[in-house]
Each structure stands twice: as structure tokens, then as C-alpha cells.
Amino acid sequence: MNKTELVAYIAKKADISSRQARTVVDMIFSPGKEGVIASALISGKRVQITGFGTFETRKRRARDGRNPQTGERIKIAASRFPAFHAGKALKDRVKK
């Protein structure tokens, strides 16, 4: 399911217009300033949706790596990255 299909599904289920559904989806999932999840992660907070899962940031240590084309050693800087951990209810539902 892509974003357009998600918007259409929400519009139909909630009996709202596609424009309203798109606004809601954008408010939740947009990576920009208006995205609730992205804004929380950028400010260092976790977003926990009971039964669904948790969005959080994790840290990756600095490490040595290799350029795959030349084999040359390179330094890879430490970084933060977004992660999602599925909740028990979601895992159980998907198993069926």
C-alpha cells in the first residue's frame, strides 16, 4: 500500500474527503516540520502507539569501513537514525 492508497482507504473508512485524509496522513508521516513523528524524533523523543509500536532514534558508533570500489579504509562518523519496533498486538496480528 502506498501513500495514495492509504489516503483513499482512510477517506473511505472515516467517511471524510480525500483532501482531509491526505492532511491527516501528512501531519503524521511527513519528514518535514509538519510531521508529528519526525518532529518528535528530531527533538529526541519517542513516539509510542500502544499495540502498534514505538518509533525512536538510535545511535550508531563511529567505525572504520572500506570503500567497496577501491578497498581503501575510511572513517564512518557516528550518527543517529530512526528505528521502529513493532508492538506485541501488531506482531500477533501479522502472524495469523
Protein backbone atom coordinates (compact mmCIF):
# COMPACT_ATOMS: atom_id res chain seq x y z
CA MET A 1 0.00 0.00 0.00
CA ASN A 2 1.41 3.36 -0.99
CA LYS A 3 0.51 6.82 0.32
CA THR A 4 -2.25 7.42 -2.25
CA GLU A 5 -3.88 4.09 -1.41
CA LEU A 6 -3.59 4.82 2.32
CA VAL A 7 -5.27 8.21 1.87
CA ALA A 8 -8.10 6.65 -0.16
CA TYR A 9 -8.59 3.90 2.44
CA ILE A 10 -8.70 6.37 5.35
CA ALA A 11 -11.09 8.66 3.47
CA LYS A 12 -13.47 5.79 2.82
CA LYS A 13 -13.24 4.28 6.34
CA ALA A 14 -13.62 7.61 8.16
CA ASP A 15 -16.18 8.98 5.68
CA ILE A 16 -14.13 12.13 5.06
CA SER A 17 -12.83 13.77 1.90
CA SER A 18 -9.57 12.67 0.29
CA ARG A 19 -8.15 16.13 0.97
CA GLN A 20 -8.85 15.80 4.71
CA ALA A 21 -7.39 12.27 4.78
CA ARG A 22 -4.24 13.45 2.96
CA THR A 23 -3.84 16.26 5.52
CA VAL A 24 -4.03 13.75 8.37
CA VAL A 25 -1.53 11.37 6.74
CA ASP A 26 0.86 14.26 6.04
CA MET A 27 0.56 15.53 9.63
CA ILE A 28 1.55 12.12 10.97
CA PHE A 29 4.13 10.81 8.50
CA SER A 30 5.72 13.80 6.75
CA PRO A 31 9.50 14.02 7.23
CA GLY A 32 9.27 17.83 7.23
CA LYS A 33 8.36 20.26 10.00
CA GLU A 34 4.67 19.39 9.94
CA GLY A 35 5.25 15.63 10.54
CA VAL A 36 4.44 14.70 14.14
CA ILE A 37 6.60 11.56 14.25
CA ALA A 38 9.61 13.18 12.55
CA SER A 39 9.42 16.27 14.78
CA ALA A 40 9.35 14.13 17.92
CA LEU A 41 12.31 12.03 16.76
CA ILE A 42 14.34 15.12 15.83
CA SER A 43 13.81 16.54 19.31
CA GLY A 44 14.96 13.24 20.87
CA LYS A 45 11.55 11.95 21.96
CA ARG A 46 9.99 8.53 21.38
CA VAL A 47 6.56 8.05 19.82
CA GLN A 48 4.82 5.06 21.38
CA ILE A 49 1.49 3.91 19.98
CA THR A 50 0.20 1.19 22.28
CA GLY A 51 -0.47 -2.03 20.41
CA PHE A 52 1.12 -0.75 17.20
CA GLY A 53 4.74 0.03 18.05
CA THR A 54 7.38 2.54 19.01
CA PHE A 55 9.33 4.99 16.86
CA GLU A 56 12.65 6.07 18.36
CA THR A 57 16.14 7.19 17.43
CA ARG A 58 19.15 5.01 17.93
CA LYS A 59 22.85 5.84 17.87
CA ARG A 60 25.46 4.24 15.67
CA ARG A 61 29.07 4.48 16.88
CA ALA A 62 31.86 5.83 14.73
CA ARG A 63 33.64 2.99 12.99
CA ASP A 64 36.15 2.06 10.32
CA GLY A 65 34.92 0.94 6.95
CA ARG A 66 36.15 0.25 3.46
CA ASN A 67 35.35 1.87 0.15
CA PRO A 68 33.89 -1.06 -1.83
CA GLN A 69 35.32 0.19 -5.14
CA THR A 70 38.90 0.84 -4.05
CA GLY A 71 39.23 -1.16 -0.84
CA GLU A 72 40.61 1.99 0.84
CA ARG A 73 39.96 2.32 4.60
CA ILE A 74 37.63 5.16 5.56
CA LYS A 75 36.28 6.59 8.81
CA ILE A 76 32.50 6.47 9.18
CA ALA A 77 31.21 9.13 11.57
CA ALA A 78 28.82 8.42 14.43
CA SER A 79 25.18 9.03 13.57
CA ARG A 80 21.60 8.89 14.79
CA PHE A 81 18.96 7.03 12.82
CA PRO A 82 15.22 6.42 13.15
CA ALA A 83 14.02 2.96 14.17
CA PHE A 84 10.66 1.25 14.60
CA HIS A 85 9.89 -1.57 17.00
CA ALA A 86 6.56 -3.32 16.36
CA GLY A 87 4.25 -3.81 19.34
CA LYS A 88 3.02 -7.18 20.53
CA ALA A 89 -0.53 -6.72 19.24
CA LEU A 90 0.74 -5.86 15.74
CA LYS A 91 3.16 -8.81 15.73
CA ASP A 92 0.43 -11.19 16.85
CA ARG A 93 -2.00 -9.88 14.22
CA VAL A 94 0.55 -10.24 11.40
CA LYS A 95 1.41 -13.82 12.45
CA LYS A 96 -2.12 -15.04 11.72
